[in-house]
Amino acid sequence: MNWDGTSEFSLLVTELSKQPHYLKNMKCLPSTYSSNKAAWMTCEIFHELQLSLDRIKASKKSKILLFVNHCPAHPTDVGNFKNMQVV
């Protein structure tokens, strides 16, 4: 969410199972869903999230400043994004 709350992104859910039983009858999930063996954020998942945010901002012709901490899942090479700066 941005400073004034006007721009929100969908929640990212990371789970163990690729198709959990509790989502079996869901037609549309109001969030982004990913899975891995530990149900943790990984570099790959985080990079996909970054690409998605960059594409969203490109379509809206706006920019984003993304602050990240020193989590091992946050890659040190932040990439070259046109509409996003990672700090």
PDB file of N, CA and C in Angstrom:
ATOM      1  N   MET A   1       0.847  -1.162   0.000  1.00  0.00           N
ATOM      2  CA  MET A   1       0.000   0.000   0.000  1.00  0.00           C
ATOM      3  C   MET A   1       0.899   1.232   0.000  1.00  0.00           C
ATOM      4  N   ASN A   2       0.474   2.260  -0.674  1.00  0.00           N
ATOM      5  CA  ASN A   2       1.268   3.472  -0.698  1.00  0.00           C
ATOM      6  C   ASN A   2       0.942   4.373   0.488  1.00  0.00           C
ATOM      7  N   TRP A   3       1.592   5.505   0.547  1.00  0.00           N
ATOM      8  CA  TRP A   3       1.490   6.409   1.700  1.00  0.00           C
ATOM      9  C   TRP A   3       0.055   6.828   1.999  1.00  0.00           C
ATOM     10  N   ASP A   4      -0.698   7.203   0.981  1.00  0.00           N
ATOM     11  CA  ASP A   4      -2.054   7.700   1.247  1.00  0.00           C
ATOM     12  C   ASP A   4      -3.137   6.629   1.089  1.00  0.00           C
ATOM     13  N   GLY A   5      -2.744   5.380   0.806  1.00  0.00           N
ATOM     14  CA  GLY A   5      -3.697   4.288   0.755  1.00  0.00           C
ATOM     15  C   GLY A   5      -4.504   4.178  -0.528  1.00  0.00           C
ATOM     16  N   THR A   6      -4.125   4.907  -1.571  1.00  0.00           N
ATOM     17  CA  THR A   6      -4.898   4.873  -2.810  1.00  0.00           C
ATOM     18  C   THR A   6      -4.461   3.763  -3.760  1.00  0.00           C
ATOM     19  N   SER A   7      -3.301   3.192  -3.554  1.00  0.00           N
ATOM     20  CA  SER A   7      -2.798   2.148  -4.436  1.00  0.00           C
ATOM     21  C   SER A   7      -2.482   0.911  -3.614  1.00  0.00           C
ATOM     22  N   GLU A   8      -3.226  -0.153  -3.826  1.00  0.00           N
ATOM     23  CA  GLU A   8      -3.015  -1.384  -3.075  1.00  0.00           C
ATOM     24  C   GLU A   8      -2.728  -2.532  -4.036  1.00  0.00           C
ATOM     25  N   PHE A   9      -1.952  -3.475  -3.592  1.00  0.00           N
ATOM     26  CA  PHE A   9      -1.630  -4.660  -4.376  1.00  0.00           C
ATOM     27  C   PHE A   9      -2.208  -5.868  -3.663  1.00  0.00           C
ATOM     28  N   SER A  10      -2.424  -6.922  -4.416  1.00  0.00           N
ATOM     29  CA  SER A  10      -3.003  -8.113  -3.806  1.00  0.00           C
ATOM     30  C   SER A  10      -1.998  -8.784  -2.875  1.00  0.00           C
ATOM     31  N   LEU A  11      -2.515  -9.476  -1.909  1.00  0.00           N
ATOM     32  CA  LEU A  11      -1.727 -10.197  -0.925  1.00  0.00           C
ATOM     33  C   LEU A  11      -1.028 -11.370  -1.597  1.00  0.00           C
ATOM     34  N   LEU A  12       0.202 -11.655  -1.203  1.00  0.00           N
ATOM     35  CA  LEU A  12       0.924 -12.814  -1.691  1.00  0.00           C
ATOM     36  C   LEU A  12       0.876 -13.891  -0.621  1.00  0.00           C
ATOM     37  N   VAL A  13       0.325 -15.054  -0.954  1.00  0.00           N
ATOM     38  CA  VAL A  13       0.216 -16.177  -0.023  1.00  0.00           C
ATOM     39  C   VAL A  13       1.192 -17.260  -0.469  1.00  0.00           C
ATOM     40  N   THR A  14       2.052 -17.709   0.451  1.00  0.00           N
ATOM     41  CA  THR A  14       2.987 -18.793   0.164  1.00  0.00           C
ATOM     42  C   THR A  14       2.617 -19.969   1.049  1.00  0.00           C
ATOM     43  N   GLU A  15       2.425 -21.125   0.435  1.00  0.00           N
ATOM     44  CA  GLU A  15       1.889 -22.302   1.126  1.00  0.00           C
ATOM     45  C   GLU A  15       2.709 -23.531   0.743  1.00  0.00           C
ATOM     46  N   LEU A  16       2.536 -24.617   1.485  1.00  0.00           N
ATOM     47  CA  LEU A  16       3.226 -25.876   1.192  1.00  0.00           C
ATOM     48  C   LEU A  16       2.686 -26.558  -0.060  1.00  0.00           C
ATOM     49  N   SER A  17       1.401 -26.656  -0.171  1.00  0.00           N
ATOM     50  CA  SER A  17       0.750 -27.420  -1.229  1.00  0.00           C
ATOM     51  C   SER A  17       0.470 -26.564  -2.456  1.00  0.00           C
ATOM     52  N   LYS A  18       0.644 -27.164  -3.634  1.00  0.00           N
ATOM     53  CA  LYS A  18       0.318 -26.449  -4.873  1.00  0.00           C
ATOM     54  C   LYS A  18      -1.188 -26.253  -5.022  1.00  0.00           C
ATOM     55  N   GLN A  19      -1.949 -27.222  -4.543  1.00  0.00           N
ATOM     56  CA  GLN A  19      -3.411 -27.141  -4.592  1.00  0.00           C
ATOM     57  C   GLN A  19      -3.983 -27.575  -3.244  1.00  0.00           C
ATOM     58  N   PRO A  20      -4.009 -26.683  -2.258  1.00  0.00           N
ATOM     59  CA  PRO A  20      -4.500 -27.073  -0.932  1.00  0.00           C
ATOM     60  C   PRO A  20      -5.986 -27.394  -0.950  1.00  0.00           C
ATOM     61  N   HIS A  21      -6.393 -28.314  -0.113  1.00  0.00           N
ATOM     62  CA  HIS A  21      -7.784 -28.772  -0.106  1.00  0.00           C
ATOM     63  C   HIS A  21      -8.763 -27.660   0.259  1.00  0.00           C
ATOM     64  N   TYR A  22      -8.350 -26.708   1.079  1.00  0.00           N
ATOM     65  CA  TYR A  22      -9.275 -25.649   1.484  1.00  0.00           C
ATOM     66  C   TYR A  22      -9.545 -24.633   0.375  1.00  0.00           C
ATOM     67  N   LEU A  23      -8.770 -24.694  -0.717  1.00  0.00           N
ATOM     68  CA  LEU A  23      -9.020 -23.817  -1.864  1.00  0.00           C
ATOM     69  C   LEU A  23      -9.624 -24.580  -3.044  1.00  0.00           C
ATOM     70  N   LYS A  24     -10.026 -25.810  -2.801  1.00  0.00           N
ATOM     71  CA  LYS A  24     -10.499 -26.692  -3.867  1.00  0.00           C
ATOM     72  C   LYS A  24     -11.656 -26.103  -4.679  1.00  0.00           C
ATOM     73  N   ASN A  25     -12.621 -25.485  -4.034  1.00  0.00           N
ATOM     74  CA  ASN A  25     -13.795 -24.970  -4.740  1.00  0.00           C
ATOM     75  C   ASN A  25     -13.725 -23.477  -5.036  1.00  0.00           C
ATOM     76  N   MET A  26     -12.571 -22.885  -4.843  1.00  0.00           N
ATOM     77  CA  MET A  26     -12.413 -21.452  -5.104  1.00  0.00           C
ATOM     78  C   MET A  26     -12.278 -21.210  -6.607  1.00  0.00           C
ATOM     79  N   LYS A  27     -13.118 -20.377  -7.147  1.00  0.00           N
ATOM     80  CA  LYS A  27     -13.041 -20.021  -8.568  1.00  0.00           C
ATOM     81  C   LYS A  27     -12.030 -18.896  -8.787  1.00  0.00           C
ATOM     82  N   CYS A  28     -12.015 -17.936  -7.861  1.00  0.00           N
ATOM     83  CA  CYS A  28     -11.146 -16.779  -7.987  1.00  0.00           C
ATOM     84  C   CYS A  28     -10.579 -16.447  -6.616  1.00  0.00           C
ATOM     85  N   LEU A  29      -9.292 -16.431  -6.503  1.00  0.00           N
ATOM     86  CA  LEU A  29      -8.637 -16.111  -5.249  1.00  0.00           C
ATOM     87  C   LEU A  29      -8.213 -14.643  -5.282  1.00  0.00           C
ATOM     88  N   PRO A  30      -8.604 -13.832  -4.293  1.00  0.00           N
ATOM     89  CA  PRO A  30      -8.273 -12.403  -4.314  1.00  0.00           C
ATOM     90  C   PRO A  30      -6.840 -12.122  -3.862  1.00  0.00           C
ATOM     91  N   SER A  31      -5.933 -13.026  -4.202  1.00  0.00           N
ATOM     92  CA  SER A  31      -4.532 -12.838  -3.852  1.00  0.00           C
ATOM     93  C   SER A  31      -3.676 -13.623  -4.830  1.00  0.00           C
ATOM     94  N   THR A  32      -2.387 -13.382  -4.770  1.00  0.00           N
ATOM     95  CA  THR A  32      -1.423 -14.149  -5.555  1.00  0.00           C
ATOM     96  C   THR A  32      -1.005 -15.340  -4.711  1.00  0.00           C
ATOM     97  N   TYR A  33      -0.916 -16.513  -5.306  1.00  0.00           N
ATOM     98  CA  TYR A  33      -0.638 -17.736  -4.565  1.00  0.00           C
ATOM     99  C   TYR A  33       0.625 -18.394  -5.100  1.00  0.00           C
ATOM    100  N   SER A  34       1.488 -18.837  -4.189  1.00  0.00           N
ATOM    101  CA  SER A  34       2.674 -19.595  -4.577  1.00  0.00           C
ATOM    102  C   SER A  34       2.890 -20.715  -3.566  1.00  0.00           C
ATOM    103  N   SER A  35       3.695 -21.686  -3.944  1.00  0.00           N
ATOM    104  CA  SER A  35       3.958 -22.794  -3.025  1.00  0.00           C
ATOM    105  C   SER A  35       5.410 -23.246  -3.151  1.00  0.00           C
ATOM    106  N   ASN A  36       5.915 -23.791  -2.061  1.00  0.00           N
ATOM    107  CA  ASN A  36       7.225 -24.435  -2.050  1.00  0.00           C
ATOM    108  C   ASN A  36       7.298 -25.362  -0.844  1.00  0.00           C
ATOM    109  N   LYS A  37       8.371 -26.131  -0.742  1.00  0.00           N
ATOM    110  CA  LYS A  37       8.478 -27.168   0.295  1.00  0.00           C
ATOM    111  C   LYS A  37       8.437 -26.623   1.716  1.00  0.00           C
ATOM    112  N   ALA A  38       8.951 -25.419   1.926  1.00  0.00           N
ATOM    113  CA  ALA A  38       9.009 -24.870   3.280  1.00  0.00           C
ATOM    114  C   ALA A  38       7.928 -23.830   3.546  1.00  0.00           C
ATOM    115  N   ALA A  39       7.167 -23.466   2.537  1.00  0.00           N
ATOM    116  CA  ALA A  39       6.148 -22.418   2.640  1.00  0.00           C
ATOM    117  C   ALA A  39       6.777 -21.089   3.032  1.00  0.00           C
ATOM    118  N   TRP A  40       7.972 -20.839   2.513  1.00  0.00           N
ATOM    119  CA  TRP A  40       8.688 -19.606   2.797  1.00  0.00           C
ATOM    120  C   TRP A  40       8.818 -18.779   1.527  1.00  0.00           C
ATOM    121  N   MET A  41       9.116 -17.514   1.734  1.00  0.00           N
ATOM    122  CA  MET A  41       9.455 -16.648   0.611  1.00  0.00           C
ATOM    123  C   MET A  41      10.815 -17.093   0.077  1.00  0.00           C
ATOM    124  N   THR A  42      10.940 -17.198  -1.239  1.00  0.00           N
ATOM    125  CA  THR A  42      12.203 -17.549  -1.863  1.00  0.00           C
ATOM    126  C   THR A  42      12.620 -16.423  -2.805  1.00  0.00           C
ATOM    127  N   CYS A  43      13.859 -16.471  -3.262  1.00  0.00           N
ATOM    128  CA  CYS A  43      14.346 -15.468  -4.215  1.00  0.00           C
ATOM    129  C   CYS A  43      13.507 -15.481  -5.488  1.00  0.00           C
ATOM    130  N   GLU A  44      13.133 -16.668  -5.947  1.00  0.00           N
ATOM    131  CA  GLU A  44      12.355 -16.778  -7.172  1.00  0.00           C
ATOM    132  C   GLU A  44      10.965 -16.153  -7.016  1.00  0.00           C
ATOM    133  N   ILE A  45      10.309 -16.442  -5.910  1.00  0.00           N
ATOM    134  CA  ILE A  45       8.979 -15.879  -5.650  1.00  0.00           C
ATOM    135  C   ILE A  45       9.074 -14.366  -5.521  1.00  0.00           C
ATOM    136  N   PHE A  46      10.095 -13.890  -4.810  1.00  0.00           N
ATOM    137  CA  PHE A  46      10.257 -12.451  -4.622  1.00  0.00           C
ATOM    138  C   PHE A  46      10.536 -11.751  -5.950  1.00  0.00           C
ATOM    139  N   HIS A  47      11.347 -12.376  -6.789  1.00  0.00           N
ATOM    140  CA  HIS A  47      11.646 -11.773  -8.098  1.00  0.00           C
ATOM    141  C   HIS A  47      10.384 -11.704  -8.968  1.00  0.00           C
ATOM    142  N   GLU A  48       9.568 -12.744  -8.937  1.00  0.00           N
ATOM    143  CA  GLU A  48       8.302 -12.720  -9.678  1.00  0.00           C
ATOM    144  C   GLU A  48       7.390 -11.611  -9.165  1.00  0.00           C
ATOM    145  N   LEU A  49       7.389 -11.414  -7.850  1.00  0.00           N
ATOM    146  CA  LEU A  49       6.610 -10.331  -7.260  1.00  0.00           C
ATOM    147  C   LEU A  49       7.109  -8.976  -7.756  1.00  0.00           C
ATOM    148  N   GLN A  50       8.421  -8.808  -7.802  1.00  0.00           N
ATOM    149  CA  GLN A  50       8.998  -7.565  -8.302  1.00  0.00           C
ATOM    150  C   GLN A  50       8.606  -7.324  -9.757  1.00  0.00           C
ATOM    151  N   LEU A  51       8.695  -8.348 -10.579  1.00  0.00           N
ATOM    152  CA  LEU A  51       8.319  -8.203 -11.989  1.00  0.00           C
ATOM    153  C   LEU A  51       6.853  -7.830 -12.133  1.00  0.00           C
ATOM    154  N   SER A  52       6.020  -8.448 -11.320  1.00  0.00           N
ATOM    155  CA  SER A  52       4.590  -8.140 -11.352  1.00  0.00           C
ATOM    156  C   SER A  52       4.319  -6.688 -10.959  1.00  0.00           C
ATOM    157  N   LEU A  53       4.954  -6.228  -9.890  1.00  0.00           N
ATOM    158  CA  LEU A  53       4.785  -4.840  -9.466  1.00  0.00           C
ATOM    159  C   LEU A  53       5.263  -3.870 -10.539  1.00  0.00           C
ATOM    160  N   ASP A  54       6.379  -4.192 -11.177  1.00  0.00           N
ATOM    161  CA  ASP A  54       6.907  -3.330 -12.233  1.00  0.00           C
ATOM    162  C   ASP A  54       5.941  -3.258 -13.414  1.00  0.00           C
ATOM    163  N   ARG A  55       5.352  -4.391 -13.790  1.00  0.00           N
ATOM    164  CA  ARG A  55       4.384  -4.409 -14.900  1.00  0.00           C
ATOM    165  C   ARG A  55       3.129  -3.612 -14.552  1.00  0.00           C
ATOM    166  N   ILE A  56       2.649  -3.767 -13.321  1.00  0.00           N
ATOM    167  CA  ILE A  56       1.450  -3.026 -12.886  1.00  0.00           C
ATOM    168  C   ILE A  56       1.708  -1.538 -12.955  1.00  0.00           C
ATOM    169  N   LYS A  57       2.853  -1.120 -12.450  1.00  0.00           N
ATOM    170  CA  LYS A  57       3.178   0.307 -12.456  1.00  0.00           C
ATOM    171  C   LYS A  57       3.398   0.818 -13.877  1.00  0.00           C
ATOM    172  N   ALA A  58       3.935  -0.009 -14.758  1.00  0.00           N
ATOM    173  CA  ALA A  58       4.120   0.393 -16.154  1.00  0.00           C
ATOM    174  C   ALA A  58       2.770   0.621 -16.825  1.00  0.00           C
ATOM    175  N   SER A  59       1.802  -0.246 -16.538  1.00  0.00           N
ATOM    176  CA  SER A  59       0.480  -0.104 -17.153  1.00  0.00           C
ATOM    177  C   SER A  59      -0.250   1.132 -16.649  1.00  0.00           C
ATOM    178  N   LYS A  60       0.047   1.549 -15.419  1.00  0.00           N
ATOM    179  CA  LYS A  60      -0.596   2.736 -14.853  1.00  0.00           C
ATOM    180  C   LYS A  60       0.242   3.998 -15.042  1.00  0.00           C
ATOM    181  N   LYS A  61       1.392   3.835 -15.713  1.00  0.00           N
ATOM    182  CA  LYS A  61       2.314   4.944 -15.970  1.00  0.00           C
ATOM    183  C   LYS A  61       2.690   5.670 -14.685  1.00  0.00           C
ATOM    184  N   SER A  62       3.075   4.892 -13.686  1.00  0.00           N
ATOM    185  CA  SER A  62       3.518   5.457 -12.414  1.00  0.00           C
ATOM    186  C   SER A  62       4.751   4.690 -11.953  1.00  0.00           C
ATOM    187  N   LYS A  63       5.333   5.124 -10.886  1.00  0.00           N
ATOM    188  CA  LYS A  63       6.550   4.506 -10.371  1.00  0.00           C
ATOM    189  C   LYS A  63       6.354   4.092  -8.923  1.00  0.00           C
ATOM    190  N   ILE A  64       7.238   3.198  -8.443  1.00  0.00           N
ATOM    191  CA  ILE A  64       7.150   2.695  -7.080  1.00  0.00           C
ATOM    192  C   ILE A  64       8.552   2.648  -6.477  1.00  0.00           C
ATOM    193  N   LEU A  65       8.637   2.941  -5.191  1.00  0.00           N
ATOM    194  CA  LEU A  65       9.863   2.797  -4.421  1.00  0.00           C
ATOM    195  C   LEU A  65       9.603   1.671  -3.426  1.00  0.00           C
ATOM    196  N   LEU A  66      10.354   0.584  -3.543  1.00  0.00           N
ATOM    197  CA  LEU A  66      10.137  -0.601  -2.716  1.00  0.00           C
ATOM    198  C   LEU A  66      11.277  -0.730  -1.711  1.00  0.00           C
ATOM    199  N   PHE A  67      10.939  -0.652  -0.426  1.00  0.00           N
ATOM    200  CA  PHE A  67      11.918  -0.830   0.641  1.00  0.00           C
ATOM    201  C   PHE A  67      11.914  -2.291   1.067  1.00  0.00           C
ATOM    202  N   VAL A  68      13.096  -2.915   1.111  1.00  0.00           N
ATOM    203  CA  VAL A  68      13.208  -4.309   1.546  1.00  0.00           C
ATOM    204  C   VAL A  68      14.266  -4.411   2.641  1.00  0.00           C
ATOM    205  N   ASN A  69      14.152  -5.435   3.482  1.00  0.00           N
ATOM    206  CA  ASN A  69      15.147  -5.650   4.529  1.00  0.00           C
ATOM    207  C   ASN A  69      16.179  -6.671   4.054  1.00  0.00           C
ATOM    208  N   HIS A  70      17.004  -7.146   4.967  1.00  0.00           N
ATOM    209  CA  HIS A  70      18.090  -8.056   4.604  1.00  0.00           C
ATOM    210  C   HIS A  70      17.693  -9.520   4.711  1.00  0.00           C
ATOM    211  N   CYS A  71      16.509  -9.841   4.326  1.00  0.00           N
ATOM    212  CA  CYS A  71      16.033 -11.221   4.323  1.00  0.00           C
ATOM    213  C   CYS A  71      16.782 -12.007   3.244  1.00  0.00           C
ATOM    214  N   PRO A  72      17.158 -13.253   3.489  1.00  0.00           N
ATOM    215  CA  PRO A  72      17.850 -14.052   2.472  1.00  0.00           C
ATOM    216  C   PRO A  72      17.043 -14.234   1.187  1.00  0.00           C
ATOM    217  N   ALA A  73      15.736 -14.091   1.255  1.00  0.00           N
ATOM    218  CA  ALA A  73      14.905 -14.236   0.061  1.00  0.00           C
ATOM    219  C   ALA A  73      14.954 -13.002  -0.836  1.00  0.00           C
ATOM    220  N   HIS A  74      15.435 -11.895  -0.302  1.00  0.00           N
ATOM    221  CA  HIS A  74      15.537 -10.681  -1.104  1.00  0.00           C
ATOM    222  C   HIS A  74      16.879 -10.678  -1.807  1.00  0.00           C
ATOM    223  N   PRO A  75      16.893 -10.813  -3.119  1.00  0.00           N
ATOM    224  CA  PRO A  75      18.161 -10.898  -3.854  1.00  0.00           C
ATOM    225  C   PRO A  75      18.984  -9.616  -3.721  1.00  0.00           C
ATOM    226  N   THR A  76      20.308  -9.792  -3.718  1.00  0.00           N
ATOM    227  CA  THR A  76      21.183  -8.626  -3.628  1.00  0.00           C
ATOM    228  C   THR A  76      21.236  -7.871  -4.951  1.00  0.00           C
ATOM    229  N   ASP A  77      21.118  -8.581  -6.054  1.00  0.00           N
ATOM    230  CA  ASP A  77      21.040  -7.894  -7.352  1.00  0.00           C
ATOM    231  C   ASP A  77      19.570  -7.559  -7.589  1.00  0.00           C
ATOM    232  N   VAL A  78      19.214  -6.316  -7.419  1.00  0.00           N
ATOM    233  CA  VAL A  78      17.814  -5.917  -7.420  1.00  0.00           C
ATOM    234  C   VAL A  78      17.219  -5.829  -8.815  1.00  0.00           C
ATOM    235  N   GLY A  79      18.014  -6.016  -9.832  1.00  0.00           N
ATOM    236  CA  GLY A  79      17.472  -5.995 -11.180  1.00  0.00           C
ATOM    237  C   GLY A  79      17.393  -4.589 -11.737  1.00  0.00           C
ATOM    238  N   ASN A  80      17.001  -4.532 -12.975  1.00  0.00           N
ATOM    239  CA  ASN A  80      16.896  -3.255 -13.666  1.00  0.00           C
ATOM    240  C   ASN A  80      15.433  -3.055 -14.044  1.00  0.00           C
ATOM    241  N   PHE A  81      14.700  -2.385 -13.194  1.00  0.00           N
ATOM    242  CA  PHE A  81      13.283  -2.169 -13.417  1.00  0.00           C
ATOM    243  C   PHE A  81      13.052  -0.760 -13.926  1.00  0.00           C
ATOM    244  N   LYS A  82      12.114  -0.614 -14.818  1.00  0.00           N
ATOM    245  CA  LYS A  82      11.829   0.695 -15.406  1.00  0.00           C
ATOM    246  C   LYS A  82      10.946   1.540 -14.497  1.00  0.00           C
ATOM    247  N   ASN A  83      10.057   0.926 -13.753  1.00  0.00           N
ATOM    248  CA  ASN A  83       9.073   1.658 -12.967  1.00  0.00           C
ATOM    249  C   ASN A  83       9.180   1.414 -11.475  1.00  0.00           C
ATOM    250  N   MET A  84      10.287   0.787 -11.063  1.00  0.00           N
ATOM    251  CA  MET A  84      10.435   0.470  -9.643  1.00  0.00           C
ATOM    252  C   MET A  84      11.889   0.641  -9.240  1.00  0.00           C
ATOM    253  N   GLN A  85      12.099   1.272  -8.092  1.00  0.00           N
ATOM    254  CA  GLN A  85      13.422   1.363  -7.500  1.00  0.00           C
ATOM    255  C   GLN A  85      13.368   0.595  -6.196  1.00  0.00           C
ATOM    256  N   VAL A  86      14.342  -0.296  -5.986  1.00  0.00           N
ATOM    257  CA  VAL A  86      14.413  -1.140  -4.787  1.00  0.00           C
ATOM    258  C   VAL A  86      15.523  -0.616  -3.893  1.00  0.00           C
ATOM    259  N   VAL A  87      15.183  -0.341  -2.634  1.00  0.00           N
ATOM    260  CA  VAL A  87      16.158   0.163  -1.661  1.00  0.00           C
ATOM    261  C   VAL A  87      16.197  -0.794  -0.484  1.00  0.00           C
TER     262      VAL A  87
END
